[in-house]
N, C-alpha and C. Protein backbone atom coordinates (compact mmCIF):
# COMPACT_ATOMS: atom_id res chain seq x y z
N UNK A 1 -12.00 129.62 121.26
CA UNK A 1 -12.44 130.46 120.16
C UNK A 1 -12.89 129.50 119.01
N UNK A 2 -14.00 129.84 118.40
CA UNK A 2 -14.45 129.02 117.21
C UNK A 2 -13.64 129.24 116.00
N UNK A 3 -13.43 128.14 115.30
CA UNK A 3 -12.67 128.21 114.01
C UNK A 3 -13.50 128.72 112.87
N UNK A 4 -14.79 128.44 112.86
CA UNK A 4 -15.65 128.80 111.73
C UNK A 4 -16.69 129.87 112.18
N UNK A 5 -17.12 130.59 111.16
CA UNK A 5 -18.14 131.64 111.40
C UNK A 5 -19.14 131.73 110.23
N UNK A 6 -20.23 132.28 110.55
CA UNK A 6 -21.28 132.56 109.65
C UNK A 6 -21.78 134.06 109.81
N UNK A 7 -20.88 134.99 109.74
CA UNK A 7 -21.15 136.38 110.06
C UNK A 7 -22.07 137.01 108.88
N UNK A 8 -21.81 136.61 107.67
CA UNK A 8 -22.52 137.25 106.58
C UNK A 8 -24.05 137.20 106.69
N UNK A 9 -24.55 136.02 107.07
CA UNK A 9 -26.01 135.80 107.16
C UNK A 9 -26.56 136.66 108.33
N UNK A 10 -25.79 137.06 109.26
CA UNK A 10 -26.22 137.83 110.36
C UNK A 10 -26.26 139.34 110.07
N UNK A 11 -25.45 139.75 109.12
CA UNK A 11 -25.28 141.19 108.89
C UNK A 11 -25.83 141.67 107.51
N UNK A 12 -25.88 140.79 106.54
CA UNK A 12 -26.33 141.20 105.19
C UNK A 12 -27.76 141.76 105.14
N UNK A 13 -27.89 142.93 104.59
CA UNK A 13 -29.24 143.56 104.46
C UNK A 13 -29.58 143.91 103.01
N UNK A 14 -28.85 143.41 102.13
CA UNK A 14 -29.07 143.70 100.70
C UNK A 14 -30.17 142.83 100.10
N UNK A 15 -30.31 143.00 98.77
CA UNK A 15 -31.25 142.21 98.03
C UNK A 15 -31.03 140.75 98.06
N UNK A 16 -32.09 139.98 98.15
CA UNK A 16 -31.97 138.50 98.20
C UNK A 16 -32.82 137.99 97.05
N UNK A 17 -32.16 137.37 96.09
CA UNK A 17 -32.82 136.75 94.92
C UNK A 17 -31.82 136.31 93.91
N UNK A 18 -32.26 135.54 93.02
CA UNK A 18 -31.34 134.98 92.00
C UNK A 18 -31.76 135.35 90.66
N UNK A 19 -30.74 135.74 89.78
CA UNK A 19 -30.98 136.02 88.39
C UNK A 19 -30.98 137.56 88.09
N UNK A 20 -30.80 138.38 89.09
CA UNK A 20 -30.74 139.85 88.94
C UNK A 20 -29.44 140.32 88.36
N UNK A 21 -28.34 139.98 89.09
CA UNK A 21 -27.00 140.31 88.65
C UNK A 21 -26.03 139.41 89.38
N UNK A 22 -24.72 139.37 88.95
CA UNK A 22 -23.80 138.46 89.55
C UNK A 22 -23.59 138.65 91.06
N UNK A 23 -23.56 139.93 91.45
CA UNK A 23 -23.26 140.30 92.82
C UNK A 23 -24.40 139.81 93.76
N UNK A 24 -25.65 140.06 93.30
CA UNK A 24 -26.85 139.61 94.07
C UNK A 24 -26.91 138.11 94.12
N UNK A 25 -26.56 137.44 92.95
CA UNK A 25 -26.59 136.01 92.93
C UNK A 25 -25.59 135.43 93.89
N UNK A 26 -24.37 135.97 93.97
CA UNK A 26 -23.34 135.46 94.90
C UNK A 26 -23.79 135.73 96.35
N UNK A 27 -24.34 136.85 96.67
CA UNK A 27 -24.83 137.15 97.98
C UNK A 27 -25.98 136.21 98.39
N UNK A 28 -26.85 135.92 97.52
CA UNK A 28 -27.97 134.98 97.73
C UNK A 28 -27.50 133.59 97.97
N UNK A 29 -26.54 133.15 97.14
CA UNK A 29 -26.01 131.75 97.40
C UNK A 29 -25.32 131.73 98.71
N UNK A 30 -24.54 132.75 99.05
CA UNK A 30 -23.86 132.74 100.41
C UNK A 30 -24.84 132.72 101.53
N UNK A 31 -25.95 133.46 101.41
CA UNK A 31 -26.99 133.42 102.44
C UNK A 31 -27.60 132.07 102.52
N UNK A 32 -27.96 131.46 101.41
CA UNK A 32 -28.55 130.16 101.45
C UNK A 32 -27.66 129.07 102.00
N UNK A 33 -26.37 129.11 101.63
CA UNK A 33 -25.46 128.17 102.20
C UNK A 33 -25.25 128.29 103.67
N UNK A 34 -25.14 129.57 104.16
CA UNK A 34 -25.00 129.74 105.57
C UNK A 34 -26.22 129.31 106.38
N UNK A 35 -27.38 129.64 105.79
CA UNK A 35 -28.65 129.20 106.45
C UNK A 35 -28.76 127.65 106.42
N UNK A 36 -28.40 127.12 105.26
CA UNK A 36 -28.54 125.65 105.10
C UNK A 36 -27.61 124.91 106.08
N UNK A 37 -26.34 125.43 106.29
CA UNK A 37 -25.39 124.73 107.15
C UNK A 37 -25.58 125.03 108.63
N UNK A 38 -26.57 125.81 109.04
CA UNK A 38 -26.81 126.01 110.38
C UNK A 38 -27.03 124.59 111.11
N UNK A 39 -26.49 124.50 112.27
CA UNK A 39 -26.51 123.20 113.03
C UNK A 39 -27.91 122.64 113.16
N UNK A 40 -28.91 123.40 113.53
CA UNK A 40 -30.23 122.90 113.66
C UNK A 40 -30.83 122.48 112.36
N UNK A 41 -30.54 123.23 111.29
CA UNK A 41 -31.04 122.85 109.94
C UNK A 41 -30.39 121.50 109.49
N UNK A 42 -29.05 121.38 109.76
CA UNK A 42 -28.38 120.14 109.37
C UNK A 42 -28.94 118.90 110.18
N UNK A 43 -29.24 119.11 111.41
CA UNK A 43 -29.81 118.02 112.21
C UNK A 43 -31.08 117.50 111.57
N UNK A 44 -31.92 118.48 111.10
CA UNK A 44 -33.19 118.08 110.54
C UNK A 44 -33.06 117.48 109.15
N UNK A 45 -32.39 118.21 108.23
CA UNK A 45 -32.36 117.83 106.81
C UNK A 45 -31.51 116.60 106.50
N UNK A 46 -30.41 116.48 107.20
CA UNK A 46 -29.58 115.29 106.91
C UNK A 46 -30.29 113.99 107.10
N UNK A 47 -31.11 113.88 108.09
CA UNK A 47 -31.84 112.65 108.36
C UNK A 47 -32.95 112.39 107.27
N UNK A 48 -33.29 113.46 106.63
CA UNK A 48 -34.37 113.34 105.60
C UNK A 48 -33.85 113.12 104.18
N UNK A 49 -32.60 113.43 103.96
CA UNK A 49 -32.05 113.29 102.62
C UNK A 49 -31.96 111.78 102.27
N UNK A 50 -32.27 111.44 101.06
CA UNK A 50 -32.09 110.11 100.57
C UNK A 50 -30.64 109.86 100.38
N UNK A 51 -30.22 108.59 100.33
CA UNK A 51 -28.80 108.26 100.27
C UNK A 51 -28.17 108.81 99.03
N UNK A 52 -28.86 108.80 97.83
CA UNK A 52 -28.25 109.38 96.66
C UNK A 52 -28.18 110.92 96.76
N UNK A 53 -29.10 111.59 97.41
CA UNK A 53 -29.01 113.01 97.59
C UNK A 53 -27.79 113.37 98.51
N UNK A 54 -27.60 112.63 99.55
CA UNK A 54 -26.48 112.85 100.48
C UNK A 54 -25.18 112.64 99.65
N UNK A 55 -25.10 111.56 98.83
CA UNK A 55 -23.89 111.38 98.09
C UNK A 55 -23.70 112.50 97.04
N UNK A 56 -24.71 112.90 96.37
CA UNK A 56 -24.59 113.94 95.35
C UNK A 56 -24.10 115.27 95.99
N UNK A 57 -24.66 115.60 97.12
CA UNK A 57 -24.24 116.82 97.83
C UNK A 57 -22.78 116.76 98.22
N UNK A 58 -22.32 115.61 98.75
CA UNK A 58 -21.01 115.44 99.15
C UNK A 58 -20.02 115.54 97.93
N UNK A 59 -20.42 114.90 96.87
CA UNK A 59 -19.58 114.83 95.65
C UNK A 59 -19.52 116.24 95.04
N UNK A 60 -20.61 117.01 94.99
CA UNK A 60 -20.62 118.28 94.42
C UNK A 60 -19.65 119.24 95.24
N UNK A 61 -19.76 119.25 96.55
CA UNK A 61 -18.90 120.09 97.34
C UNK A 61 -17.43 119.65 97.14
N UNK A 62 -17.17 118.37 97.16
CA UNK A 62 -15.80 117.90 96.89
C UNK A 62 -15.27 118.33 95.59
N UNK A 63 -16.08 118.26 94.52
CA UNK A 63 -15.58 118.72 93.23
C UNK A 63 -15.29 120.21 93.23
N UNK A 64 -16.13 121.02 93.88
CA UNK A 64 -15.88 122.44 93.95
C UNK A 64 -14.61 122.73 94.69
N UNK A 65 -14.40 122.06 95.77
CA UNK A 65 -13.14 122.24 96.51
C UNK A 65 -11.87 121.97 95.72
N UNK A 66 -11.89 120.80 95.01
CA UNK A 66 -10.74 120.40 94.23
C UNK A 66 -10.61 121.41 93.03
N UNK A 67 -11.68 121.84 92.41
CA UNK A 67 -11.58 122.74 91.25
C UNK A 67 -11.09 124.12 91.61
N UNK A 68 -11.55 124.68 92.70
CA UNK A 68 -11.36 126.10 92.99
C UNK A 68 -10.35 126.46 94.09
N UNK A 69 -9.92 125.43 94.85
CA UNK A 69 -8.99 125.75 95.96
C UNK A 69 -7.68 125.13 95.67
N UNK A 70 -6.61 125.83 96.02
CA UNK A 70 -5.30 125.21 95.99
C UNK A 70 -5.25 124.35 97.27
N UNK A 71 -4.21 123.47 97.29
CA UNK A 71 -4.04 122.69 98.55
C UNK A 71 -3.93 123.54 99.77
N UNK A 72 -3.13 124.56 99.67
CA UNK A 72 -2.94 125.50 100.77
C UNK A 72 -4.26 126.16 101.24
N UNK A 73 -5.06 126.62 100.27
CA UNK A 73 -6.34 127.13 100.57
C UNK A 73 -7.29 126.17 101.24
N UNK A 74 -7.26 124.91 100.69
CA UNK A 74 -8.07 123.84 101.25
C UNK A 74 -7.77 123.68 102.75
N UNK A 75 -6.47 123.60 103.11
CA UNK A 75 -6.11 123.38 104.47
C UNK A 75 -6.37 124.56 105.33
N UNK A 76 -6.13 125.75 104.80
CA UNK A 76 -6.24 126.97 105.58
C UNK A 76 -7.78 127.41 105.68
N UNK A 77 -8.51 127.39 104.63
CA UNK A 77 -9.86 127.91 104.63
C UNK A 77 -10.92 126.86 104.87
N UNK A 78 -10.73 125.63 104.46
CA UNK A 78 -11.78 124.59 104.59
C UNK A 78 -11.52 123.76 105.85
N UNK A 79 -10.37 123.18 105.95
CA UNK A 79 -10.06 122.36 107.04
C UNK A 79 -9.68 123.18 108.34
N UNK A 80 -9.15 124.31 108.10
CA UNK A 80 -8.74 125.20 109.18
C UNK A 80 -7.68 124.51 110.05
N UNK A 81 -6.81 123.78 109.43
CA UNK A 81 -5.79 123.01 110.17
C UNK A 81 -4.43 123.67 110.10
N UNK A 82 -4.37 124.86 109.52
CA UNK A 82 -3.11 125.63 109.49
C UNK A 82 -3.25 126.98 110.15
């Protein structure tokens, strides 16, 4: 059984756009992130990113994880090792 899922992108039928309201913004970012992290998309774009872009992306994600997740949440939700 898979540890990770991207169900939202498969089922969401609401408004997609940014700047309308907080709920729509959150849903749009969630859609973009799930589409962006698709395996085929990653295979293509990672090879094309410049080294500094790759580093910036990694550092931004790392900062968000440290800022918004407890250690327990990090292990349970991100690493899925608990």
